[in-house]
Amino acid sequence: MTSADTWPDPVTAELATDRLMLRPYRPGEGAAYARMYHENQHHLREFMPDELREMATEHDAEGQIRRMIRQWRAGKLFVLGGWERQGGAYVGETYLANPDWAVPCIELGYFVVADRTGNGYAVEAARAVTRFAFERLAVNRVELYCASDNVASARVAERLGFRLEGRQRQRHRKRDGTLVDRLWYGLLRPASA
């Protein structure tokens, strides 16, 4: 899979689950994206990449959304926000990143905002996005990495059927400087995909 003409357009792509609507962020949603980030800074502190931690304004957030759309079209990053289908509340983000199109494989990541944790949304969204990776991006393998002390993320991986393939000792530095192990999970394309 190296051709962008087979990827869904980031402006119209949508995935639906029983409770969630997942789709790329759209131009004009910068204010909501910035608000989400500022309201969840402490909760997401460990997981946010540096370029998002530097986001301070609606204008910055619009720039991030434009960057995500460009990266989607280039086949480098596929970010989908998640909203409750009933009521439209924002619940979090799921993404596919760091593709190796020669294999092909891609990395899965996700977060749920603080006021929506504990509802199974991470599993539901990650399941849909993993299926998207196999069916629409035609990858053979999806990978997931998490810090060994991130029990919730490891539990999501295991509930989705990912296999723990390794433990890299002291491979992740937390924001407070502490070194922890990193867990490495993988899931192969099912025969029916």
Protein backbone atom coordinates (compact mmCIF):
# COMPACT_ATOMS: atom_id res chain seq x y z
CA MET A 1 0.00 0.00 0.00
CA THR A 2 1.83 3.04 -1.20
CA SER A 3 -0.82 4.85 -3.17
CA ALA A 4 -2.90 7.60 -1.63
CA ASP A 5 -5.63 7.10 -4.24
CA THR A 6 -6.85 4.07 -2.25
CA TRP A 7 -7.08 5.92 1.09
CA PRO A 8 -10.36 7.55 2.10
CA ASP A 9 -10.34 11.32 1.81
CA PRO A 10 -9.73 12.91 5.23
CA VAL A 11 -12.53 15.43 4.66
CA THR A 12 -15.21 12.76 4.16
CA ALA A 13 -13.86 9.67 5.99
CA GLU A 14 -16.07 8.41 8.84
CA LEU A 15 -16.23 5.25 10.92
CA ALA A 16 -19.28 4.42 13.02
CA THR A 17 -19.49 2.04 15.98
CA ASP A 18 -22.48 1.30 18.18
CA ARG A 19 -21.83 4.39 20.30
CA LEU A 20 -19.21 6.45 18.47
CA MET A 21 -18.63 8.44 15.31
CA LEU A 22 -14.94 8.56 14.38
CA ARG A 23 -13.63 10.95 11.76
CA PRO A 24 -10.67 13.21 10.98
CA TYR A 25 -10.79 16.68 12.47
CA ARG A 26 -11.97 19.30 9.99
CA PRO A 27 -10.91 22.87 9.29
CA GLY A 28 -12.93 25.17 11.54
CA GLU A 29 -12.72 22.84 14.57
CA GLY A 30 -9.61 24.48 16.00
CA ALA A 31 -11.43 26.16 18.88
CA ALA A 32 -12.93 22.87 20.05
CA TYR A 33 -9.61 21.03 19.62
CA ALA A 34 -7.72 23.70 21.60
CA ARG A 35 -10.39 23.65 24.32
CA MET A 36 -10.18 19.84 24.58
CA TYR A 37 -6.43 19.98 24.89
CA HIS A 38 -6.41 22.71 27.55
CA GLU A 39 -9.15 21.00 29.59
CA ASN A 40 -7.21 17.70 29.52
CA GLN A 41 -3.59 18.87 29.75
CA HIS A 42 -2.93 17.21 33.09
CA HIS A 43 -4.77 14.01 32.16
CA LEU A 44 -2.96 13.66 28.81
CA ARG A 45 0.40 15.07 29.89
CA GLU A 46 2.31 11.78 29.52
CA PHE A 47 0.94 10.98 26.09
CA MET A 48 0.86 14.20 24.08
CA PRO A 49 3.59 14.77 21.51
CA ASP A 50 5.63 17.95 21.85
CA GLU A 51 3.98 19.70 18.89
CA LEU A 52 0.59 19.44 20.63
CA ARG A 53 1.95 20.54 24.00
CA GLU A 54 3.03 23.78 22.32
CA MET A 55 -0.50 24.46 21.06
CA ALA A 56 -1.74 27.58 22.83
CA THR A 57 -4.43 29.18 20.65
CA GLU A 58 -7.28 28.36 18.30
CA HIS A 59 -4.99 29.43 15.47
CA ASP A 60 -2.35 26.91 16.63
CA ALA A 61 -5.03 24.20 16.76
CA GLU A 62 -6.19 25.02 13.22
CA GLY A 63 -2.56 24.63 12.14
CA GLN A 64 -2.44 21.21 13.81
CA ILE A 65 -5.63 20.16 12.01
CA ARG A 66 -4.18 21.28 8.66
CA ARG A 67 -0.99 19.34 9.45
CA MET A 68 -3.03 16.20 10.28
CA ILE A 69 -4.90 16.48 6.97
CA ARG A 70 -1.63 16.87 5.04
CA GLN A 71 -0.11 13.89 6.83
CA TRP A 72 -3.23 11.79 6.16
CA ARG A 73 -3.02 12.56 2.45
CA ALA A 74 0.71 11.70 2.49
CA GLY A 75 0.00 8.35 4.18
CA LYS A 76 2.02 9.22 7.30
CA LEU A 77 -0.59 9.78 10.02
CA PHE A 78 -4.30 8.94 10.21
CA VAL A 79 -5.94 10.77 13.14
CA LEU A 80 -9.62 10.32 13.97
CA GLY A 81 -11.47 12.22 16.67
CA GLY A 82 -14.28 10.39 18.43
CA TRP A 83 -17.71 11.72 19.36
CA GLU A 84 -20.66 10.02 21.04
CA ARG A 85 -23.33 9.30 18.45
CA GLN A 86 -25.97 10.07 21.07
CA GLY A 87 -25.49 13.70 22.08
CA GLY A 88 -22.25 14.43 20.22
CA ALA A 89 -19.90 14.73 23.21
CA TYR A 90 -16.22 14.51 22.34
CA VAL A 91 -14.59 11.37 23.84
CA GLY A 92 -11.04 11.23 22.50
CA GLU A 93 -8.76 10.42 19.63
CA THR A 94 -7.48 7.32 17.87
CA TYR A 95 -4.65 7.36 15.38
CA LEU A 96 -2.53 5.24 13.08
CA ALA A 97 1.07 6.44 12.78
CA ASN A 98 4.61 5.53 11.77
CA PRO A 99 3.68 3.30 8.83
CA ASP A 100 6.15 0.97 7.23
CA TRP A 101 4.52 0.43 3.84
CA ALA A 102 7.17 -2.15 2.83
CA VAL A 103 5.76 -4.66 5.37
CA PRO A 104 3.04 -3.11 5.54
CA CYS A 105 2.44 -2.29 9.21
CA ILE A 106 1.32 0.70 11.24
CA GLU A 107 1.18 1.80 14.88
CA LEU A 108 -2.10 2.30 16.77
CA GLY A 109 -2.55 4.91 19.48
CA TYR A 110 -5.46 6.46 21.35
CA PHE A 111 -6.58 8.57 24.26
CA VAL A 112 -9.87 9.23 26.01
CA VAL A 113 -10.57 12.60 27.64
CA ALA A 114 -10.78 12.61 31.43
CA ASP A 115 -14.55 12.92 31.77
CA ARG A 116 -15.21 9.97 29.43
CA THR A 117 -12.77 7.37 30.79
CA GLY A 118 -14.07 4.07 32.13
CA ASN A 119 -16.81 3.67 29.51
CA GLY A 120 -15.06 1.29 27.12
CA TYR A 121 -14.61 3.98 24.47
CA ALA A 122 -10.89 3.26 23.95
CA VAL A 123 -11.61 -0.40 23.11
CA GLU A 124 -14.55 0.50 20.87
CA ALA A 125 -12.66 3.18 18.92
CA ALA A 126 -9.42 1.20 18.69
CA ARG A 127 -11.30 -1.86 17.39
CA ALA A 128 -12.89 0.21 14.61
CA VAL A 129 -9.62 1.91 13.67
CA THR A 130 -7.73 -1.39 13.68
CA ARG A 131 -10.34 -2.83 11.30
CA PHE A 132 -9.91 0.31 9.15
CA ALA A 133 -6.14 -0.32 9.07
CA PHE A 134 -6.60 -3.88 7.86
CA GLU A 135 -9.49 -3.29 5.45
CA ARG A 136 -8.87 0.20 4.04
CA LEU A 137 -5.11 0.68 4.42
CA ALA A 138 -4.39 -3.00 3.67
CA VAL A 139 -1.76 -3.39 6.37
CA ASN A 140 -0.64 -6.85 7.44
CA ARG A 141 0.19 -5.88 11.00
CA VAL A 142 -0.87 -3.30 13.59
CA GLU A 143 1.49 -2.48 16.46
CA LEU A 144 0.84 -0.83 19.79
CA TYR A 145 3.40 0.42 22.31
CA CYS A 146 2.71 1.56 25.84
CA ALA A 147 4.61 2.26 29.04
CA SER A 148 4.58 -0.72 31.37
CA ASP A 149 2.84 1.31 34.06
CA ASN A 150 0.01 2.28 31.68
CA VAL A 151 -2.20 -0.59 32.79
CA ALA A 152 -5.32 0.79 31.08
CA SER A 153 -3.63 0.91 27.67
CA ALA A 154 -2.20 -2.61 28.06
CA ARG A 155 -5.69 -3.83 28.99
CA VAL A 156 -7.12 -2.24 25.81
CA ALA A 157 -4.50 -3.99 23.68
CA GLU A 158 -5.23 -7.35 25.27
CA ARG A 159 -9.01 -6.95 24.95
CA LEU A 160 -8.50 -6.29 21.22
CA GLY A 161 -6.53 -9.51 20.81
CA PHE A 162 -3.08 -7.95 20.48
CA ARG A 163 -0.27 -10.26 21.54
CA LEU A 164 2.43 -9.04 23.90
CA GLU A 165 5.56 -9.54 21.79
CA GLY A 166 8.16 -7.94 23.99
CA ARG A 167 9.15 -5.81 26.91
CA GLN A 168 11.87 -3.27 26.27
CA ARG A 169 13.56 -2.50 29.57
CA GLN A 170 13.78 1.18 30.53
CA ARG A 171 12.80 2.21 26.98
CA HIS A 172 10.33 5.01 27.84
CA ARG A 173 11.15 8.22 29.70
CA LYS A 174 8.15 9.73 31.46
CA ARG A 175 7.68 13.50 31.64
CA ASP A 176 9.01 13.48 35.22
CA GLY A 177 12.25 11.87 34.01
CA THR A 178 11.56 8.37 35.32
CA LEU A 179 12.54 5.49 33.04
CA VAL A 180 10.01 2.67 32.67
CA ASP A 181 9.77 -0.39 30.47
CA ARG A 182 7.85 -0.26 27.21
CA LEU A 183 5.44 -3.03 26.24
CA TRP A 184 5.32 -3.96 22.57
CA TYR A 185 2.11 -5.50 21.20
CA GLY A 186 1.26 -6.75 17.73
CA LEU A 187 -1.82 -7.94 15.89
CA LEU A 188 -1.69 -9.69 12.53
CA ARG A 189 -4.23 -9.25 9.78
CA PRO A 190 -7.05 -11.75 10.24
CA ALA A 191 -7.53 -14.24 7.41
CA SER A 192 -10.98 -12.74 6.64
CA ALA A 193 -9.81 -9.11 6.33
